[in-house]
């Protein structure tokens, strides 16, 4: 599996929309903790950038995109942009996912 760093950039003036969809967003992401073709390794907000960072392992970028397209933050219009970067964690707690 390949590790990806995913940056969510929130849409302008989306605070209320995110607040409404946050419980569904977190429940959705929680469904990817554990085994599967896409696995959530960590996620959380980046307050300085008004966005979020998600670290996921996936069999392919296409499989990852398919999952991210279903995220309630995405389907509700709360995201302005999603940036996906392949990442190789060679040290630290996620090094077991190193390629």
PDB file of N, CA and C in Angstrom:
ATOM      1  N   UNK A   1       0.842  -1.184   0.000  1.00  0.00           N
ATOM      2  CA  UNK A   1       0.000   0.000   0.000  1.00  0.00           C
ATOM      3  C   UNK A   1       0.885   1.244   0.000  1.00  0.00           C
ATOM      4  N   UNK A   2       0.386   2.280  -0.615  1.00  0.00           N
ATOM      5  CA  UNK A   2       1.084   3.551  -0.709  1.00  0.00           C
ATOM      6  C   UNK A   2       0.468   4.522   0.286  1.00  0.00           C
ATOM      7  N   UNK A   3       1.311   5.348   0.896  1.00  0.00           N
ATOM      8  CA  UNK A   3       0.828   6.357   1.832  1.00  0.00           C
ATOM      9  C   UNK A   3       0.661   7.672   1.074  1.00  0.00           C
ATOM     10  N   UNK A   4      -0.423   8.372   1.396  1.00  0.00           N
ATOM     11  CA  UNK A   4      -0.713   9.665   0.792  1.00  0.00           C
ATOM     12  C   UNK A   4      -1.001  10.687   1.875  1.00  0.00           C
ATOM     13  N   UNK A   5      -0.444  11.885   1.688  1.00  0.00           N
ATOM     14  CA  UNK A   5      -0.803  13.032   2.517  1.00  0.00           C
ATOM     15  C   UNK A   5      -1.857  13.801   1.722  1.00  0.00           C
ATOM     16  N   UNK A   6      -2.995  14.005   2.332  1.00  0.00           N
ATOM     17  CA  UNK A   6      -4.098  14.688   1.656  1.00  0.00           C
ATOM     18  C   UNK A   6      -4.380  15.984   2.402  1.00  0.00           C
ATOM     19  N   UNK A   7      -4.300  17.077   1.670  1.00  0.00           N
ATOM     20  CA  UNK A   7      -4.622  18.377   2.262  1.00  0.00           C
ATOM     21  C   UNK A   7      -5.997  18.812   1.782  1.00  0.00           C
ATOM     22  N   UNK A   8      -6.864  19.083   2.739  1.00  0.00           N
ATOM     23  CA  UNK A   8      -8.165  19.664   2.430  1.00  0.00           C
ATOM     24  C   UNK A   8      -8.036  21.174   2.606  1.00  0.00           C
ATOM     25  N   UNK A   9      -8.424  21.923   1.602  1.00  0.00           N
ATOM     26  CA  UNK A   9      -8.506  23.381   1.683  1.00  0.00           C
ATOM     27  C   UNK A   9      -9.998  23.707   1.735  1.00  0.00           C
ATOM     28  N   UNK A  10     -10.409  24.309   2.837  1.00  0.00           N
ATOM     29  CA  UNK A  10     -11.829  24.602   3.020  1.00  0.00           C
ATOM     30  C   UNK A  10     -12.285  25.745   2.121  1.00  0.00           C
ATOM     31  N   UNK A  11     -13.517  25.644   1.670  1.00  0.00           N
ATOM     32  CA  UNK A  11     -14.121  26.698   0.875  1.00  0.00           C
ATOM     33  C   UNK A  11     -14.323  27.940   1.741  1.00  0.00           C
ATOM     34  N   UNK A  12     -14.248  29.100   1.108  1.00  0.00           N
ATOM     35  CA  UNK A  12     -14.486  30.342   1.841  1.00  0.00           C
ATOM     36  C   UNK A  12     -15.893  30.331   2.426  1.00  0.00           C
ATOM     37  N   UNK A  13     -16.017  30.895   3.602  1.00  0.00           N
ATOM     38  CA  UNK A  13     -17.307  31.031   4.277  1.00  0.00           C
ATOM     39  C   UNK A  13     -18.016  29.692   4.470  1.00  0.00           C
ATOM     40  N   UNK A  14     -17.232  28.619   4.713  1.00  0.00           N
ATOM     41  CA  UNK A  14     -17.831  27.285   4.858  1.00  0.00           C
ATOM     42  C   UNK A  14     -17.914  26.824   6.307  1.00  0.00           C
ATOM     43  N   UNK A  15     -17.677  27.713   7.257  1.00  0.00           N
ATOM     44  CA  UNK A  15     -17.646  27.316   8.667  1.00  0.00           C
ATOM     45  C   UNK A  15     -18.944  26.643   9.091  1.00  0.00           C
ATOM     46  N   UNK A  16     -20.079  27.258   8.802  1.00  0.00           N
ATOM     47  CA  UNK A  16     -21.372  26.673   9.194  1.00  0.00           C
ATOM     48  C   UNK A  16     -21.609  25.345   8.490  1.00  0.00           C
ATOM     49  N   UNK A  17     -21.272  25.284   7.227  1.00  0.00           N
ATOM     50  CA  UNK A  17     -21.435  24.049   6.453  1.00  0.00           C
ATOM     51  C   UNK A  17     -20.580  22.933   7.044  1.00  0.00           C
ATOM     52  N   UNK A  18     -19.345  23.243   7.418  1.00  0.00           N
ATOM     53  CA  UNK A  18     -18.473  22.247   8.036  1.00  0.00           C
ATOM     54  C   UNK A  18     -19.000  21.825   9.403  1.00  0.00           C
ATOM     55  N   UNK A  19     -19.476  22.780  10.182  1.00  0.00           N
ATOM     56  CA  UNK A  19     -20.031  22.448  11.494  1.00  0.00           C
ATOM     57  C   UNK A  19     -21.220  21.497  11.366  1.00  0.00           C
ATOM     58  N   UNK A  20     -22.058  21.722  10.369  1.00  0.00           N
ATOM     59  CA  UNK A  20     -23.218  20.851  10.135  1.00  0.00           C
ATOM     60  C   UNK A  20     -22.789  19.450   9.723  1.00  0.00           C
ATOM     61  N   UNK A  21     -21.742  19.359   8.921  1.00  0.00           N
ATOM     62  CA  UNK A  21     -21.328  18.079   8.344  1.00  0.00           C
ATOM     63  C   UNK A  21     -20.201  17.386   9.104  1.00  0.00           C
ATOM     64  N   UNK A  22     -19.638  18.026  10.138  1.00  0.00           N
ATOM     65  CA  UNK A  22     -18.504  17.450  10.854  1.00  0.00           C
ATOM     66  C   UNK A  22     -18.808  16.077  11.459  1.00  0.00           C
ATOM     67  N   UNK A  23     -19.962  15.882  12.138  1.00  0.00           N
ATOM     68  CA  UNK A  23     -20.217  14.539  12.686  1.00  0.00           C
ATOM     69  C   UNK A  23     -20.236  13.451  11.600  1.00  0.00           C
ATOM     70  N   UNK A  24     -20.876  13.733  10.472  1.00  0.00           N
ATOM     71  CA  UNK A  24     -20.930  12.751   9.379  1.00  0.00           C
ATOM     72  C   UNK A  24     -19.545  12.557   8.767  1.00  0.00           C
ATOM     73  N   UNK A  25     -18.775  13.637   8.655  1.00  0.00           N
ATOM     74  CA  UNK A  25     -17.406  13.572   8.123  1.00  0.00           C
ATOM     75  C   UNK A  25     -16.543  12.673   9.001  1.00  0.00           C
ATOM     76  N   UNK A  26     -16.607  12.870  10.310  1.00  0.00           N
ATOM     77  CA  UNK A  26     -15.780  12.069  11.225  1.00  0.00           C
ATOM     78  C   UNK A  26     -16.236  10.611  11.256  1.00  0.00           C
ATOM     79  N   UNK A  27     -17.522  10.391  11.188  1.00  0.00           N
ATOM     80  CA  UNK A  27     -18.031   9.006  11.142  1.00  0.00           C
ATOM     81  C   UNK A  27     -17.568   8.333   9.849  1.00  0.00           C
ATOM     82  N   UNK A  28     -17.631   9.056   8.753  1.00  0.00           N
ATOM     83  CA  UNK A  28     -17.186   8.534   7.462  1.00  0.00           C
ATOM     84  C   UNK A  28     -15.714   8.137   7.524  1.00  0.00           C
ATOM     85  N   UNK A  29     -14.863   9.054   7.994  1.00  0.00           N
ATOM     86  CA  UNK A  29     -13.437   8.749   8.088  1.00  0.00           C
ATOM     87  C   UNK A  29     -13.175   7.588   9.035  1.00  0.00           C
ATOM     88  N   UNK A  30     -13.924   7.522  10.130  1.00  0.00           N
ATOM     89  CA  UNK A  30     -13.760   6.435  11.095  1.00  0.00           C
ATOM     90  C   UNK A  30     -13.994   5.067  10.480  1.00  0.00           C
ATOM     91  N   UNK A  31     -14.770   5.011   9.432  1.00  0.00           N
ATOM     92  CA  UNK A  31     -15.025   3.756   8.738  1.00  0.00           C
ATOM     93  C   UNK A  31     -13.807   3.227   7.995  1.00  0.00           C
ATOM     94  N   UNK A  32     -12.764   4.059   7.881  1.00  0.00           N
ATOM     95  CA  UNK A  32     -11.556   3.646   7.164  1.00  0.00           C
ATOM     96  C   UNK A  32     -10.383   3.390   8.104  1.00  0.00           C
ATOM     97  N   UNK A  33     -10.668   3.294   9.398  1.00  0.00           N
ATOM     98  CA  UNK A  33      -9.636   2.924  10.363  1.00  0.00           C
ATOM     99  C   UNK A  33      -9.593   1.407  10.421  1.00  0.00           C
ATOM    100  N   UNK A  34      -8.425   0.835  10.204  1.00  0.00           N
ATOM    101  CA  UNK A  34      -8.306  -0.625  10.214  1.00  0.00           C
ATOM    102  C   UNK A  34      -7.953  -1.138   8.842  1.00  0.00           C
ATOM    103  N   UNK A  35      -8.367  -2.344   8.575  1.00  0.00           N
ATOM    104  CA  UNK A  35      -7.998  -3.001   7.323  1.00  0.00           C
ATOM    105  C   UNK A  35      -8.915  -2.595   6.183  1.00  0.00           C
ATOM    106  N   UNK A  36      -8.398  -2.693   4.966  1.00  0.00           N
ATOM    107  CA  UNK A  36      -9.171  -2.382   3.774  1.00  0.00           C
ATOM    108  C   UNK A  36      -8.262  -1.833   2.698  1.00  0.00           C
ATOM    109  N   UNK A  37      -8.832  -1.550   1.534  1.00  0.00           N
ATOM    110  CA  UNK A  37      -8.032  -1.049   0.416  1.00  0.00           C
ATOM    111  C   UNK A  37      -7.637   0.406   0.603  1.00  0.00           C
ATOM    112  N   UNK A  38      -8.335   1.110   1.496  1.00  0.00           N
ATOM    113  CA  UNK A  38      -7.986   2.467   1.903  1.00  0.00           C
ATOM    114  C   UNK A  38      -8.055   2.500   3.419  1.00  0.00           C
ATOM    115  N   UNK A  39      -6.982   2.988   4.053  1.00  0.00           N
ATOM    116  CA  UNK A  39      -6.930   3.034   5.518  1.00  0.00           C
ATOM    117  C   UNK A  39      -6.548   4.430   5.985  1.00  0.00           C
ATOM    118  N   UNK A  40      -7.320   4.957   6.919  1.00  0.00           N
ATOM    119  CA  UNK A  40      -6.993   6.235   7.535  1.00  0.00           C
ATOM    120  C   UNK A  40      -5.961   5.999   8.619  1.00  0.00           C
ATOM    121  N   UNK A  41      -4.824   6.711   8.536  1.00  0.00           N
ATOM    122  CA  UNK A  41      -3.763   6.582   9.528  1.00  0.00           C
ATOM    123  C   UNK A  41      -3.812   7.723  10.537  1.00  0.00           C
ATOM    124  N   UNK A  42      -4.188   8.911  10.093  1.00  0.00           N
ATOM    125  CA  UNK A  42      -4.295  10.076  10.973  1.00  0.00           C
ATOM    126  C   UNK A  42      -5.030  11.175  10.230  1.00  0.00           C
ATOM    127  N   UNK A  43      -5.678  12.050  10.978  1.00  0.00           N
ATOM    128  CA  UNK A  43      -6.307  13.216  10.357  1.00  0.00           C
ATOM    129  C   UNK A  43      -6.550  14.272  11.419  1.00  0.00           C
ATOM    130  N   UNK A  44      -6.666  15.497  10.960  1.00  0.00           N
ATOM    131  CA  UNK A  44      -6.978  16.582  11.864  1.00  0.00           C
ATOM    132  C   UNK A  44      -6.883  17.922  11.163  1.00  0.00           C
ATOM    133  N   UNK A  45      -7.447  18.952  11.804  1.00  0.00           N
ATOM    134  CA  UNK A  45      -7.462  20.279  11.200  1.00  0.00           C
ATOM    135  C   UNK A  45      -6.085  20.936  11.210  1.00  0.00           C
ATOM    136  N   UNK A  46      -5.901  21.843  10.275  1.00  0.00           N
ATOM    137  CA  UNK A  46      -4.728  22.709  10.237  1.00  0.00           C
ATOM    138  C   UNK A  46      -5.253  24.141  10.387  1.00  0.00           C
ATOM    139  N   UNK A  47      -5.473  24.578  11.619  1.00  0.00           N
ATOM    140  CA  UNK A  47      -6.135  25.862  11.873  1.00  0.00           C
ATOM    141  C   UNK A  47      -5.480  27.070  11.213  1.00  0.00           C
ATOM    142  N   UNK A  48      -4.158  27.084  11.142  1.00  0.00           N
ATOM    143  CA  UNK A  48      -3.478  28.228  10.540  1.00  0.00           C
ATOM    144  C   UNK A  48      -3.841  28.367   9.064  1.00  0.00           C
ATOM    145  N   UNK A  49      -4.015  27.233   8.384  1.00  0.00           N
ATOM    146  CA  UNK A  49      -4.337  27.244   6.951  1.00  0.00           C
ATOM    147  C   UNK A  49      -5.826  27.113   6.672  1.00  0.00           C
ATOM    148  N   UNK A  50      -6.649  27.013   7.705  1.00  0.00           N
ATOM    149  CA  UNK A  50      -8.089  26.798   7.564  1.00  0.00           C
ATOM    150  C   UNK A  50      -8.365  25.611   6.641  1.00  0.00           C
ATOM    151  N   UNK A  51      -7.810  24.479   7.041  1.00  0.00           N
ATOM    152  CA  UNK A  51      -7.987  23.258   6.274  1.00  0.00           C
ATOM    153  C   UNK A  51      -7.740  22.061   7.162  1.00  0.00           C
ATOM    154  N   UNK A  52      -7.362  20.956   6.548  1.00  0.00           N
ATOM    155  CA  UNK A  52      -7.099  19.731   7.297  1.00  0.00           C
ATOM    156  C   UNK A  52      -6.046  18.914   6.568  1.00  0.00           C
ATOM    157  N   UNK A  53      -5.394  18.042   7.332  1.00  0.00           N
ATOM    158  CA  UNK A  53      -4.425  17.115   6.767  1.00  0.00           C
ATOM    159  C   UNK A  53      -4.855  15.709   7.124  1.00  0.00           C
ATOM    160  N   UNK A  54      -4.916  14.853   6.134  1.00  0.00           N
ATOM    161  CA  UNK A  54      -5.263  13.447   6.326  1.00  0.00           C
ATOM    162  C   UNK A  54      -4.107  12.611   5.803  1.00  0.00           C
ATOM    163  N   UNK A  55      -3.735  11.591   6.557  1.00  0.00           N
ATOM    164  CA  UNK A  55      -2.712  10.648   6.115  1.00  0.00           C
ATOM    165  C   UNK A  55      -3.428   9.310   5.920  1.00  0.00           C
ATOM    166  N   UNK A  56      -3.370   8.795   4.697  1.00  0.00           N
ATOM    167  CA  UNK A  56      -4.062   7.558   4.366  1.00  0.00           C
ATOM    168  C   UNK A  56      -3.132   6.620   3.614  1.00  0.00           C
ATOM    169  N   UNK A  57      -3.361   5.337   3.770  1.00  0.00           N
ATOM    170  CA  UNK A  57      -2.690   4.314   2.971  1.00  0.00           C
ATOM    171  C   UNK A  57      -3.740   3.752   2.024  1.00  0.00           C
ATOM    172  N   UNK A  58      -3.342   3.559   0.775  1.00  0.00           N
ATOM    173  CA  UNK A  58      -4.297   3.070  -0.215  1.00  0.00           C
ATOM    174  C   UNK A  58      -3.594   2.188  -1.233  1.00  0.00           C
ATOM    175  N   UNK A  59      -4.356   1.283  -1.819  1.00  0.00           N
ATOM    176  CA  UNK A  59      -3.810   0.417  -2.866  1.00  0.00           C
ATOM    177  C   UNK A  59      -3.435   1.216  -4.109  1.00  0.00           C
ATOM    178  N   UNK A  60      -4.162   2.329  -4.331  1.00  0.00           N
ATOM    179  CA  UNK A  60      -3.874   3.176  -5.485  1.00  0.00           C
ATOM    180  C   UNK A  60      -4.449   4.564  -5.227  1.00  0.00           C
ATOM    181  N   UNK A  61      -3.922   5.534  -5.953  1.00  0.00           N
ATOM    182  CA  UNK A  61      -4.471   6.887  -5.844  1.00  0.00           C
ATOM    183  C   UNK A  61      -5.915   6.920  -6.336  1.00  0.00           C
ATOM    184  N   UNK A  62      -6.222   6.117  -7.345  1.00  0.00           N
ATOM    185  CA  UNK A  62      -7.598   6.069  -7.857  1.00  0.00           C
ATOM    186  C   UNK A  62      -8.570   5.575  -6.782  1.00  0.00           C
ATOM    187  N   UNK A  63      -8.171   4.555  -6.028  1.00  0.00           N
ATOM    188  CA  UNK A  63      -9.025   4.056  -4.938  1.00  0.00           C
ATOM    189  C   UNK A  63      -9.199   5.124  -3.868  1.00  0.00           C
ATOM    190  N   UNK A  64      -8.132   5.849  -3.582  1.00  0.00           N
ATOM    191  CA  UNK A  64      -8.198   6.922  -2.600  1.00  0.00           C
ATOM    192  C   UNK A  64      -9.148   8.019  -3.055  1.00  0.00           C
ATOM    193  N   UNK A  65      -9.025   8.454  -4.283  1.00  0.00           N
ATOM    194  CA  UNK A  65      -9.891   9.511  -4.821  1.00  0.00           C
ATOM    195  C   UNK A  65     -11.348   9.087  -4.765  1.00  0.00           C
ATOM    196  N   UNK A  66     -11.615   7.842  -5.082  1.00  0.00           N
ATOM    197  CA  UNK A  66     -12.985   7.335  -5.039  1.00  0.00           C
ATOM    198  C   UNK A  66     -13.562   7.472  -3.628  1.00  0.00           C
ATOM    199  N   UNK A  67     -12.765   7.179  -2.621  1.00  0.00           N
ATOM    200  CA  UNK A  67     -13.207   7.317  -1.229  1.00  0.00           C
ATOM    201  C   UNK A  67     -13.395   8.782  -0.877  1.00  0.00           C
ATOM    202  N   UNK A  68     -12.399   9.610  -1.169  1.00  0.00           N
ATOM    203  CA  UNK A  68     -12.467  11.022  -0.798  1.00  0.00           C
ATOM    204  C   UNK A  68     -13.649  11.731  -1.452  1.00  0.00           C
ATOM    205  N   UNK A  69     -14.019  11.311  -2.637  1.00  0.00           N
ATOM    206  CA  UNK A  69     -15.177  11.909  -3.313  1.00  0.00           C
ATOM    207  C   UNK A  69     -16.472  11.697  -2.547  1.00  0.00           C
ATOM    208  N   UNK A  70     -16.507  10.700  -1.671  1.00  0.00           N
ATOM    209  CA  UNK A  70     -17.708  10.388  -0.900  1.00  0.00           C
ATOM    210  C   UNK A  70     -17.724  11.052   0.480  1.00  0.00           C
ATOM    211  N   UNK A  71     -16.637  11.717   0.860  1.00  0.00           N
ATOM    212  CA  UNK A  71     -16.555  12.372   2.167  1.00  0.00           C
ATOM    213  C   UNK A  71     -17.636  13.456   2.256  1.00  0.00           C
ATOM    214  N   UNK A  72     -18.414  13.490   3.337  1.00  0.00           N
ATOM    215  CA  UNK A  72     -19.448  14.517   3.484  1.00  0.00           C
ATOM    216  C   UNK A  72     -18.926  15.953   3.361  1.00  0.00           C
ATOM    217  N   UNK A  73     -17.687  16.216   3.733  1.00  0.00           N
ATOM    218  CA  UNK A  73     -17.140  17.561   3.522  1.00  0.00           C
ATOM    219  C   UNK A  73     -17.048  17.854   2.032  1.00  0.00           C
ATOM    220  N   UNK A  74     -16.739  16.860   1.234  1.00  0.00           N
ATOM    221  CA  UNK A  74     -16.638  17.040  -0.212  1.00  0.00           C
ATOM    222  C   UNK A  74     -18.025  17.133  -0.847  1.00  0.00           C
ATOM    223  N   UNK A  75     -18.895  16.221  -0.504  1.00  0.00           N
ATOM    224  CA  UNK A  75     -20.222  16.202  -1.144  1.00  0.00           C
ATOM    225  C   UNK A  75     -21.079  17.400  -0.757  1.00  0.00           C
ATOM    226  N   UNK A  76     -20.786  18.032   0.388  1.00  0.00           N
ATOM    227  CA  UNK A  76     -21.570  19.188   0.826  1.00  0.00           C
ATOM    228  C   UNK A  76     -21.054  20.502   0.249  1.00  0.00           C
ATOM    229  N   UNK A  77     -19.887  20.483  -0.379  1.00  0.00           N
ATOM    230  CA  UNK A  77     -19.319  21.703  -0.937  1.00  0.00           C
ATOM    231  C   UNK A  77     -18.439  22.473   0.038  1.00  0.00           C
ATOM    232  N   UNK A  78     -18.040  21.850   1.142  1.00  0.00           N
ATOM    233  CA  UNK A  78     -17.221  22.522   2.151  1.00  0.00           C
ATOM    234  C   UNK A  78     -15.752  22.628   1.738  1.00  0.00           C
ATOM    235  N   UNK A  79     -15.357  21.913   0.700  1.00  0.00           N
ATOM    236  CA  UNK A  79     -13.961  21.922   0.268  1.00  0.00           C
ATOM    237  C   UNK A  79     -13.783  22.747  -1.001  1.00  0.00           C
ATOM    238  N   UNK A  80     -12.763  23.592  -0.993  1.00  0.00           N
ATOM    239  CA  UNK A  80     -12.412  24.338  -2.199  1.00  0.00           C
ATOM    240  C   UNK A  80     -11.464  23.525  -3.062  1.00  0.00           C
ATOM    241  N   UNK A  81     -10.618  22.731  -2.378  1.00  0.00           N
ATOM    242  CA  UNK A  81      -9.587  21.996  -3.110  1.00  0.00           C
ATOM    243  C   UNK A  81      -9.091  20.838  -2.268  1.00  0.00           C
ATOM    244  N   UNK A  82      -8.679  19.776  -2.929  1.00  0.00           N
ATOM    245  CA  UNK A  82      -8.047  18.628  -2.280  1.00  0.00           C
ATOM    246  C   UNK A  82      -6.721  18.387  -2.983  1.00  0.00           C
ATOM    247  N   UNK A  83      -5.644  18.359  -2.197  1.00  0.00           N
ATOM    248  CA  UNK A  83      -4.306  18.145  -2.751  1.00  0.00           C
ATOM    249  C   UNK A  83      -3.805  16.800  -2.241  1.00  0.00           C
ATOM    250  N   UNK A  84      -3.496  15.906  -3.157  1.00  0.00           N
ATOM    251  CA  UNK A  84      -3.041  14.555  -2.806  1.00  0.00           C
ATOM    252  C   UNK A  84      -1.574  14.423  -3.193  1.00  0.00           C
ATOM    253  N   UNK A  85      -0.751  14.035  -2.198  1.00  0.00           N
ATOM    254  CA  UNK A  85       0.673  13.878  -2.428  1.00  0.00           C
ATOM    255  C   UNK A  85       1.111  12.508  -1.922  1.00  0.00           C
ATOM    256  N   UNK A  86       1.756  11.736  -2.792  1.00  0.00           N
ATOM    257  CA  UNK A  86       2.318  10.465  -2.334  1.00  0.00           C
ATOM    258  C   UNK A  86       3.417  10.773  -1.329  1.00  0.00           C
ATOM    259  N   UNK A  87       3.480   9.962  -0.251  1.00  0.00           N
ATOM    260  CA  UNK A  87       4.408  10.241   0.836  1.00  0.00           C
ATOM    261  C   UNK A  87       5.037   8.944   1.308  1.00  0.00           C
ATOM    262  N   UNK A  88       6.315   8.967   1.661  1.00  0.00           N
ATOM    263  CA  UNK A  88       7.013   7.779   2.121  1.00  0.00           C
ATOM    264  C   UNK A  88       7.546   8.028   3.532  1.00  0.00           C
ATOM    265  N   UNK A  89       6.811   7.617   4.577  1.00  0.00           N
ATOM    266  CA  UNK A  89       7.228   7.869   5.957  1.00  0.00           C
ATOM    267  C   UNK A  89       8.338   6.912   6.404  1.00  0.00           C
ATOM    268  N   UNK A  90       9.586   7.332   6.290  1.00  0.00           N
ATOM    269  CA  UNK A  90      10.716   6.432   6.578  1.00  0.00           C
ATOM    270  C   UNK A  90      11.128   6.405   8.048  1.00  0.00           C
ATOM    271  N   UNK A  91      10.699   7.378   8.830  1.00  0.00           N
ATOM    272  CA  UNK A  91      10.985   7.370  10.270  1.00  0.00           C
ATOM    273  C   UNK A  91       9.703   7.734  11.027  1.00  0.00           C
ATOM    274  N   UNK A  92       9.675   7.381  12.295  1.00  0.00           N
ATOM    275  CA  UNK A  92       8.543   7.733  13.127  1.00  0.00           C
ATOM    276  C   UNK A  92       7.510   6.625  13.225  1.00  0.00           C
ATOM    277  N   UNK A  93       6.387   6.974  13.797  1.00  0.00           N
ATOM    278  CA  UNK A  93       5.348   5.988  14.101  1.00  0.00           C
ATOM    279  C   UNK A  93       4.728   5.346  12.858  1.00  0.00           C
ATOM    280  N   UNK A  94       4.813   5.986  11.723  1.00  0.00           N
ATOM    281  CA  UNK A  94       4.205   5.443  10.499  1.00  0.00           C
ATOM    282  C   UNK A  94       5.211   4.744   9.580  1.00  0.00           C
ATOM    283  N   UNK A  95       6.446   4.543  10.059  1.00  0.00           N
ATOM    284  CA  UNK A  95       7.484   3.957   9.196  1.00  0.00           C
ATOM    285  C   UNK A  95       7.137   2.551   8.730  1.00  0.00           C
ATOM    286  N   UNK A  96       6.237   1.847   9.426  1.00  0.00           N
ATOM    287  CA  UNK A  96       5.848   0.514   8.962  1.00  0.00           C
ATOM    288  C   UNK A  96       5.141   0.573   7.611  1.00  0.00           C
ATOM    289  N   UNK A  97       4.692   1.774   7.231  1.00  0.00           N
ATOM    290  CA  UNK A  97       4.021   1.930   5.940  1.00  0.00           C
ATOM    291  C   UNK A  97       4.978   2.400   4.848  1.00  0.00           C
ATOM    292  N   UNK A  98       6.274   2.478   5.164  1.00  0.00           N
ATOM    293  CA  UNK A  98       7.270   2.917   4.206  1.00  0.00           C
ATOM    294  C   UNK A  98       7.325   1.961   3.022  1.00  0.00           C
ATOM    295  N   UNK A  99       7.530   2.531   1.835  1.00  0.00           N
ATOM    296  CA  UNK A  99       7.581   1.685   0.630  1.00  0.00           C
ATOM    297  C   UNK A  99       8.995   1.273   0.292  1.00  0.00           C
TER     298      UNK A  99
END
